[in-house]
Amino acid sequence: MAWNDSGNGKNPWDRGSRQEGPPDLDKIIRDWQKKFSAMFGGGKGSGGGNTTSSTAPLVGVFVLLLLAWGLTGFYQVDAAERGIVQRFGAYTHTTQSGLRWHIPWPVEIVDKVNVSRVYDLTQTTSMLTADENIVIVDMVVQFQNADPMAYLFDVDDPIGTLADASESAIREVIGKSEMDFVLLDGRAAIAVDTQKVIQNALDEYSNGIVVTKVNLQDVNFPGQVEAAVQDAIKAREDKERLGFEAESYANDILPRARGQAVRQIQDAEAYKERVIADADGETSRFTALLKEYQKEPQVTRERLYLDALEYVYANSSKVLLDAEGSGNLLYLPVDEIMKKGGQKPSANNAAPIRSNSDTSSGSSRPTRQDSRTRGAR
């Protein structure tokens, strides 16, 4: 037989009642009230009855809520974080890593600040250089929240302050540099100088942020002037190249010119010494000859004549023969003449040529003494 059949006398909601029907919710609530009253010492009614106090359920609910509210005060701080505890908005203390508890909201709140993580701030801005050229700079600022107290309380918007300080710093540094330096070799120096300017500004604001590095990802000029800038860069490179070539040419030609000048000066000095020495030698020889001539003029004159003939005939290619019983015979050594001219002599090239006096049989032939006398005259 089922438990709710008629006549079984069983009711799971009210065992003392034999009435059939749905469970009585009011009775269930009264049972729970009795239990809470027994737990928290609820009193009796004024008529001596066993009624619970009307405030007992509220006390139980309040205790449960108080326990739940207290559990919300637990929080976990990671190793890279610091917990800043504030009571009614005022700073009380800083907690390190681990499981911590604070008086729950709204009495105390905890702001956790990561002091080890490196954050990135990216900015793109256009500015003027010192030579009044426009450049577009893509910059990345890497920073850490080194001072949690200053980061939370000293500045209302620390990230916005960092952004403004970064833009002002890059404009200041690039505004003092020329475009060639910015585009080519000056990126590293500009990044270092910008980092110093940003950090000085943040220290003045007591921002609590430490800038670890500044990177210039891209420095370029606007696309509207790209062709003109490229032409200017090419012209500048050509100027530098031609300057290097001119300097190389000067370094090559000047030492050679100086060497040639020194050599010519040395040759002139040597020529001077040689001419002076030759003149001194000629003077000494002439002086010695003059002394001999003063002693024996006739003999000296004869000797000078013979030496002159010997010198002349020694350098001549013609031979003059004086033979007995014949006229003057002029012999031309054609083979020797052709050798000096660079031609090969033939077999009949060399032939004696007689003078007109050879054909006359009755002509008289001058003697050697007579020719010497004529030469001396």
Protein backbone atom coordinates (compact mmCIF):
# COMPACT_ATOMS: atom_id res chain seq x y z
CA MET A 1 0.00 0.00 0.00
CA ALA A 2 1.31 3.45 -0.89
CA TRP A 3 2.18 5.89 1.84
CA ASN A 4 -0.51 8.34 0.79
CA ASP A 5 -3.31 5.82 0.48
CA SER A 6 -6.30 6.41 2.71
CA GLY A 7 -6.11 4.72 6.06
CA ASN A 8 -2.31 4.23 6.13
CA GLY A 9 -1.91 6.95 8.77
CA LYS A 10 1.44 8.23 7.32
CA ASN A 11 2.27 11.80 6.23
CA PRO A 12 5.91 12.65 5.52
CA TRP A 13 5.28 16.37 6.22
CA ASP A 14 3.27 15.96 9.37
CA ARG A 15 3.42 12.62 11.03
CA GLY A 16 1.08 13.67 13.83
CA SER A 17 -1.66 14.66 11.45
CA ARG A 18 -3.89 12.24 9.66
CA GLN A 19 -5.12 14.82 7.17
CA GLU A 20 -4.50 14.25 3.53
CA GLY A 21 -3.30 17.02 1.09
CA PRO A 22 -0.22 19.11 0.23
CA PRO A 23 2.41 19.93 2.88
CA ASP A 24 1.87 22.93 5.11
CA LEU A 25 4.57 25.54 4.25
CA ASP A 26 3.74 27.67 7.26
CA LYS A 27 4.49 24.75 9.51
CA ILE A 28 7.83 24.17 7.81
CA ILE A 29 8.80 27.81 8.35
CA ARG A 30 7.75 27.60 12.02
CA ASP A 31 9.90 24.49 12.43
CA TRP A 32 12.93 26.34 11.08
CA GLN A 33 12.20 29.28 13.34
CA LYS A 34 12.15 26.98 16.34
CA LYS A 35 15.51 25.55 15.39
CA PHE A 36 17.09 29.03 15.02
CA SER A 37 15.50 30.11 18.28
CA ALA A 38 17.01 27.13 20.04
CA MET A 39 20.43 27.95 18.53
CA PHE A 40 20.43 31.63 19.53
CA GLY A 41 18.39 31.32 22.79
CA GLY A 42 15.00 32.62 21.76
CA GLY A 43 12.66 33.52 24.75
CA LYS A 44 9.09 32.51 25.55
CA GLY A 45 5.94 34.44 24.88
CA SER A 46 4.31 36.76 27.40
CA GLY A 47 1.50 34.27 28.13
CA GLY A 48 3.98 31.55 29.11
CA GLY A 49 3.71 29.84 25.71
CA ASN A 50 6.76 28.39 23.75
CA THR A 51 6.76 30.98 20.91
CA THR A 52 10.12 32.19 19.44
CA SER A 53 11.25 35.76 19.22
CA SER A 54 10.33 37.61 16.05
CA THR A 55 13.90 38.87 15.65
CA ALA A 56 15.60 35.47 15.65
CA PRO A 57 15.38 34.93 11.86
CA LEU A 58 16.84 38.37 11.19
CA VAL A 59 19.77 37.68 13.49
CA GLY A 60 20.58 34.47 11.68
CA VAL A 61 20.43 36.11 8.31
CA PHE A 62 22.62 38.94 9.59
CA VAL A 63 25.25 36.48 10.84
CA LEU A 64 25.33 34.69 7.50
CA LEU A 65 25.66 37.93 5.64
CA LEU A 66 28.40 39.02 8.02
CA LEU A 67 30.32 35.84 7.38
CA ALA A 68 29.95 36.22 3.60
CA TRP A 69 31.01 39.86 3.82
CA GLY A 70 34.10 38.92 5.83
CA LEU A 71 35.10 36.28 3.28
CA THR A 72 35.19 38.94 0.56
CA GLY A 73 38.17 40.53 2.33
CA PHE A 74 40.59 37.80 1.24
CA TYR A 75 42.78 38.63 -1.79
CA GLN A 76 45.87 37.21 -3.51
CA VAL A 77 48.93 39.31 -4.38
CA ASP A 78 51.28 37.87 -7.01
CA ALA A 79 55.06 38.01 -6.75
CA ALA A 80 55.28 40.82 -9.33
CA GLU A 81 52.55 42.88 -7.66
CA ARG A 82 52.14 45.14 -4.65
CA GLY A 83 48.83 45.60 -2.81
CA ILE A 84 47.92 49.17 -1.85
CA VAL A 85 45.33 49.10 0.96
CA GLN A 86 43.08 52.15 1.35
CA ARG A 87 40.65 52.74 4.20
CA PHE A 88 37.85 55.09 3.25
CA GLY A 89 40.08 56.30 0.39
CA ALA A 90 43.16 57.01 2.54
CA TYR A 91 46.35 54.98 2.17
CA THR A 92 47.09 52.66 5.12
CA HIS A 93 49.82 50.22 4.08
CA THR A 94 51.37 48.20 1.23
CA THR A 95 51.19 44.40 1.17
CA GLN A 96 53.65 42.04 -0.45
CA SER A 97 52.96 38.82 -2.36
CA GLY A 98 50.79 36.09 -0.84
CA LEU A 99 47.24 35.52 0.48
CA ARG A 100 46.09 38.60 2.39
CA TRP A 101 42.97 39.90 4.13
CA HIS A 102 41.59 43.37 4.56
CA ILE A 103 38.41 44.81 5.92
CA PRO A 104 35.98 44.35 3.03
CA TRP A 105 34.39 47.05 1.01
CA PRO A 106 33.28 49.75 1.66
CA VAL A 107 35.65 50.14 4.60
CA GLU A 108 38.86 49.16 2.79
CA ILE A 109 39.79 48.57 -0.83
CA VAL A 110 42.97 47.12 -2.37
CA ASP A 111 44.57 48.22 -5.64
CA LYS A 112 47.13 45.77 -6.99
CA VAL A 113 49.96 47.33 -9.05
CA ASN A 114 52.38 45.25 -11.14
CA VAL A 115 55.88 46.64 -10.55
CA SER A 116 57.79 44.14 -12.73
CA ARG A 117 55.91 44.06 -16.00
CA VAL A 118 57.20 46.18 -18.88
CA TYR A 119 54.41 48.04 -20.67
CA ASP A 120 54.53 49.55 -24.17
CA LEU A 121 53.20 52.92 -25.23
CA THR A 122 53.08 53.48 -29.01
CA GLN A 123 52.90 56.95 -30.53
CA THR A 124 52.95 58.30 -34.09
CA THR A 125 53.39 62.01 -34.64
CA SER A 126 54.74 64.46 -37.20
CA MET A 127 57.11 67.30 -36.38
CA LEU A 128 59.61 69.80 -37.77
CA THR A 129 63.36 69.29 -37.73
CA ALA A 130 65.98 71.98 -37.15
CA ASP A 131 66.29 72.58 -40.92
CA GLU A 132 62.47 72.99 -41.21
CA ASN A 133 61.68 69.62 -42.75
CA ILE A 134 58.66 67.53 -41.75
CA VAL A 135 59.26 63.99 -40.49
CA ILE A 136 56.85 61.35 -39.20
CA VAL A 137 58.07 59.39 -36.18
CA ASP A 138 56.74 56.03 -34.94
CA MET A 139 57.94 55.67 -31.34
CA VAL A 140 57.51 52.95 -28.71
CA VAL A 141 58.11 53.85 -25.04
CA GLN A 142 58.68 50.93 -22.68
CA PHE A 143 58.04 51.63 -18.98
CA GLN A 144 57.43 50.08 -15.55
CA ASN A 145 55.32 51.13 -12.56
CA ALA A 146 58.25 51.35 -10.18
CA ASP A 147 56.54 53.36 -7.40
CA PRO A 148 52.96 52.14 -6.72
CA MET A 149 52.19 54.94 -4.25
CA ALA A 150 53.14 57.71 -6.71
CA TYR A 151 51.49 55.86 -9.59
CA LEU A 152 48.11 55.70 -7.76
CA PHE A 153 47.95 58.93 -5.76
CA ASP A 154 50.27 61.64 -7.17
CA VAL A 155 48.94 61.90 -10.74
CA ASP A 156 45.34 61.58 -11.85
CA ASP A 157 46.16 59.94 -15.23
CA PRO A 158 49.72 58.55 -15.21
CA ILE A 159 49.48 56.91 -18.65
CA GLY A 160 48.10 60.08 -20.21
CA THR A 161 50.86 62.07 -18.54
CA LEU A 162 53.44 59.67 -19.96
CA ALA A 163 51.96 60.04 -23.44
CA ASP A 164 52.05 63.85 -23.26
CA ALA A 165 55.60 63.85 -21.89
CA SER A 166 56.76 61.43 -24.61
CA GLU A 167 55.33 63.54 -27.42
CA SER A 168 56.82 66.72 -25.97
CA ALA A 169 60.23 65.08 -25.51
CA ILE A 170 60.48 63.68 -29.05
CA ARG A 171 59.49 67.05 -30.49
CA GLU A 172 62.14 68.77 -28.41
CA VAL A 173 64.93 66.39 -29.41
CA ILE A 174 64.10 66.19 -33.13
CA GLY A 175 63.50 69.94 -33.25
CA LYS A 176 67.20 70.38 -32.45
CA SER A 177 68.41 67.91 -35.12
CA GLU A 178 68.60 68.11 -38.90
CA MET A 179 66.69 65.74 -41.16
CA ASP A 180 69.80 63.92 -42.43
CA PHE A 181 70.85 63.12 -38.89
CA VAL A 182 67.35 61.97 -37.99
CA LEU A 183 66.88 59.74 -41.06
CA LEU A 184 70.36 58.20 -41.23
CA ASP A 185 72.76 57.97 -38.32
CA GLY A 186 71.03 59.68 -35.42
CA ARG A 187 68.28 57.28 -34.40
CA ALA A 188 70.13 55.70 -31.50
CA ALA A 189 71.29 59.05 -30.12
CA ILE A 190 67.80 60.54 -30.50
CA ALA A 191 66.24 57.58 -28.64
CA VAL A 192 68.67 57.96 -25.72
CA ASP A 193 68.14 61.72 -25.48
CA THR A 194 64.36 61.30 -25.67
CA GLN A 195 64.39 58.75 -22.85
CA LYS A 196 66.31 61.18 -20.62
CA VAL A 197 63.92 64.05 -21.33
CA ILE A 198 60.84 61.86 -20.66
CA GLN A 199 62.24 60.55 -17.38
CA ASN A 200 63.13 64.04 -16.16
CA ALA A 201 59.57 65.21 -16.86
CA LEU A 202 58.03 62.19 -15.07
CA ASP A 203 60.29 62.73 -12.05
CA GLU A 204 59.10 66.33 -11.81
CA TYR A 205 55.48 65.14 -11.88
CA SER A 206 56.24 62.32 -9.38
CA ASN A 207 54.49 59.95 -11.76
CA GLY A 208 55.89 56.72 -10.32
CA ILE A 209 56.79 55.44 -13.82
CA VAL A 210 60.33 54.52 -14.90
CA VAL A 211 61.05 54.56 -18.64
CA THR A 212 63.24 51.57 -19.48
CA LYS A 213 63.75 52.15 -23.22
CA VAL A 214 62.65 54.28 -26.16
CA ASN A 215 62.61 52.76 -29.66
CA LEU A 216 62.23 54.71 -32.89
CA GLN A 217 60.59 52.10 -35.07
CA ASP A 218 60.33 54.29 -38.14
CA VAL A 219 61.38 57.82 -39.05
CA ASN A 220 60.20 58.93 -42.47
CA PHE A 221 58.97 61.93 -44.40
CA PRO A 222 55.45 62.52 -45.75
CA GLY A 223 54.55 60.75 -48.98
CA GLN A 224 53.69 64.01 -50.72
CA VAL A 225 57.34 65.12 -50.69
CA GLU A 226 58.94 61.70 -51.15
CA ALA A 227 60.18 62.35 -54.72
CA ALA A 228 61.72 65.71 -53.79
CA VAL A 229 63.41 64.29 -50.71
CA GLN A 230 64.80 61.38 -52.69
CA ASP A 231 66.27 63.80 -55.23
CA ALA A 232 67.80 65.85 -52.45
CA ILE A 233 69.31 62.77 -50.84
CA LYS A 234 70.72 61.61 -54.19
CA ALA A 235 72.22 65.05 -54.83
CA ARG A 236 73.78 65.03 -51.38
CA GLU A 237 75.24 61.58 -51.93
CA ASP A 238 76.63 62.69 -55.32
CA LYS A 239 78.19 65.71 -53.65
CA GLU A 240 79.88 63.53 -51.04
CA ARG A 241 81.05 61.06 -53.68
CA LEU A 242 82.53 63.78 -55.90
CA GLY A 243 84.16 65.36 -52.89
CA PHE A 244 85.81 62.06 -52.01
CA GLU A 245 86.96 61.61 -55.60
CA ALA A 246 88.43 65.12 -55.69
CA GLU A 247 90.18 64.53 -52.41
CA SER A 248 91.56 61.23 -53.68
CA TYR A 249 92.79 62.93 -56.87
CA ALA A 250 94.41 65.71 -54.84
CA ASN A 251 96.08 63.18 -52.57
CA ASP A 252 97.43 61.44 -55.67
CA ILE A 253 98.55 64.42 -57.76
CA LEU A 254 100.00 66.66 -55.08
CA PRO A 255 102.66 64.22 -53.81
CA ARG A 256 103.71 63.49 -57.39
CA ALA A 257 103.91 67.19 -58.19
CA ARG A 258 105.96 67.80 -55.07
CA GLY A 259 108.23 64.89 -56.02
CA GLN A 260 108.70 66.22 -59.54
CA ALA A 261 109.48 69.68 -58.17
CA VAL A 262 112.09 68.28 -55.82
CA ARG A 263 113.59 66.18 -58.62
CA GLN A 264 113.77 69.17 -60.98
CA ILE A 265 115.40 71.25 -58.27
CA GLN A 266 117.93 68.48 -57.70
CA ASP A 267 118.56 68.17 -61.46
CA ALA A 268 119.06 71.91 -61.68
CA GLU A 269 121.50 71.83 -58.80
CA ALA A 270 123.38 68.95 -60.42
CA TYR A 271 123.43 70.76 -63.79
CA LYS A 272 124.71 73.88 -62.06
CA GLU A 273 127.51 71.97 -60.36
CA ARG A 274 128.40 70.18 -63.62
CA VAL A 275 128.49 73.37 -65.67
CA ILE A 276 130.59 75.09 -63.04
CA ALA A 277 132.95 72.13 -62.89
CA ASP A 278 133.21 72.00 -66.71
CA ALA A 279 133.88 75.73 -66.84
CA ASP A 280 136.51 75.44 -64.17
CA GLY A 281 138.12 72.55 -66.08
CA GLU A 282 138.08 74.47 -69.38
CA THR A 283 139.53 77.49 -67.65
CA SER A 284 142.31 75.45 -66.10
CA ARG A 285 143.08 73.75 -69.43
CA PHE A 286 143.08 77.05 -71.29
CA THR A 287 145.35 78.61 -68.67
CA ALA A 288 147.77 75.71 -68.94
CA LEU A 289 147.70 75.92 -72.75
CA LEU A 290 148.27 79.68 -72.60
CA LYS A 291 151.40 79.16 -70.60
CA GLU A 292 152.75 76.69 -73.17
CA TYR A 293 151.77 78.98 -76.03
CA GLN A 294 153.63 81.86 -74.44
CA LYS A 295 156.70 79.69 -74.23
CA GLU A 296 156.58 78.27 -77.83
CA PRO A 297 153.91 79.95 -79.98
CA GLN A 298 154.82 78.23 -83.32
CA VAL A 299 154.97 74.74 -81.90
CA THR A 300 151.83 75.18 -79.91
CA ARG A 301 149.96 76.55 -82.92
CA GLU A 302 151.10 73.61 -85.05
CA ARG A 303 150.03 71.16 -82.41
CA LEU A 304 146.59 72.73 -82.08
CA TYR A 305 146.11 72.54 -85.85
CA LEU A 306 146.97 68.87 -85.94
CA ASP A 307 144.66 68.08 -83.06
CA ALA A 308 141.80 69.90 -84.77
CA LEU A 309 142.32 67.96 -88.02
CA GLU A 310 142.46 64.72 -86.13
CA TYR A 311 139.20 65.50 -84.40
CA VAL A 312 137.46 66.52 -87.62
CA TYR A 313 138.65 63.57 -89.68
CA ALA A 314 137.89 61.13 -86.90
CA ASN A 315 134.20 62.06 -87.02
CA SER A 316 133.95 62.17 -90.83
CA SER A 317 132.73 59.33 -93.05
CA LYS A 318 134.83 60.51 -95.96
CA VAL A 319 138.41 59.41 -96.63
CA LEU A 320 140.89 61.54 -98.61
CA LEU A 321 143.85 59.64 -100.13
CA ASP A 322 147.04 61.26 -101.38
CA ALA A 323 148.86 58.80 -103.62
CA GLU A 324 152.09 59.20 -105.68
CA GLY A 325 151.61 59.77 -109.42
CA SER A 326 147.88 60.40 -109.31
CA GLY A 327 145.52 63.22 -108.51
CA ASN A 328 143.39 63.66 -105.44
CA LEU A 329 141.20 60.61 -104.88
CA LEU A 330 137.99 61.10 -102.92
CA TYR A 331 136.68 57.79 -101.50
CA LEU A 332 133.11 57.56 -100.25
CA PRO A 333 132.41 54.51 -98.00
CA VAL A 334 128.81 54.08 -99.07
CA ASP A 335 128.38 50.93 -97.00
CA GLU A 336 129.18 52.79 -93.78
CA ILE A 337 126.92 55.67 -94.77
CA MET A 338 124.05 53.27 -95.51
CA LYS A 339 124.55 51.54 -92.16
CA LYS A 340 124.21 54.87 -90.39
CA GLY A 341 121.09 55.59 -92.48
CA GLY A 342 119.53 52.19 -91.66
CA GLN A 343 119.79 50.71 -95.22
CA LYS A 344 121.61 47.61 -96.38
CA PRO A 345 124.48 48.33 -98.78
CA SER A 346 124.52 46.66 -102.17
CA ALA A 347 127.59 45.04 -103.80
CA ASN A 348 128.41 48.04 -105.96
CA ASN A 349 127.62 50.74 -103.42
CA ALA A 350 131.19 51.51 -102.36
CA ALA A 351 133.20 53.02 -105.21
CA PRO A 352 136.07 55.47 -105.40
CA ILE A 353 135.31 58.84 -106.91
CA ARG A 354 138.12 60.68 -108.53
CA SER A 355 138.27 64.40 -108.68
CA ASN A 356 138.58 66.33 -111.97
CA SER A 357 142.24 66.79 -111.37
CA ASP A 358 142.82 63.03 -111.80
CA THR A 359 141.88 63.15 -115.51
CA SER A 360 144.46 65.74 -116.38
CA SER A 361 147.83 64.11 -116.91
CA GLY A 362 149.84 67.22 -116.52
CA SER A 363 148.31 68.43 -113.28
CA SER A 364 150.59 68.92 -110.34
CA ARG A 365 149.65 67.30 -106.94
CA PRO A 366 150.02 69.37 -103.77
CA THR A 367 152.17 67.94 -101.10
CA ARG A 368 151.14 67.29 -97.49
CA GLN A 369 153.25 70.15 -96.25
CA ASP A 370 151.44 72.53 -98.58
CA SER A 371 147.99 71.44 -97.33
CA ARG A 372 149.05 71.95 -93.76
CA THR A 373 150.33 75.41 -94.66
CA ARG A 374 147.01 76.31 -96.31
CA GLY A 375 145.11 75.07 -93.29
CA ALA A 376 147.28 77.11 -91.00
CA ARG A 377 146.60 80.23 -93.00
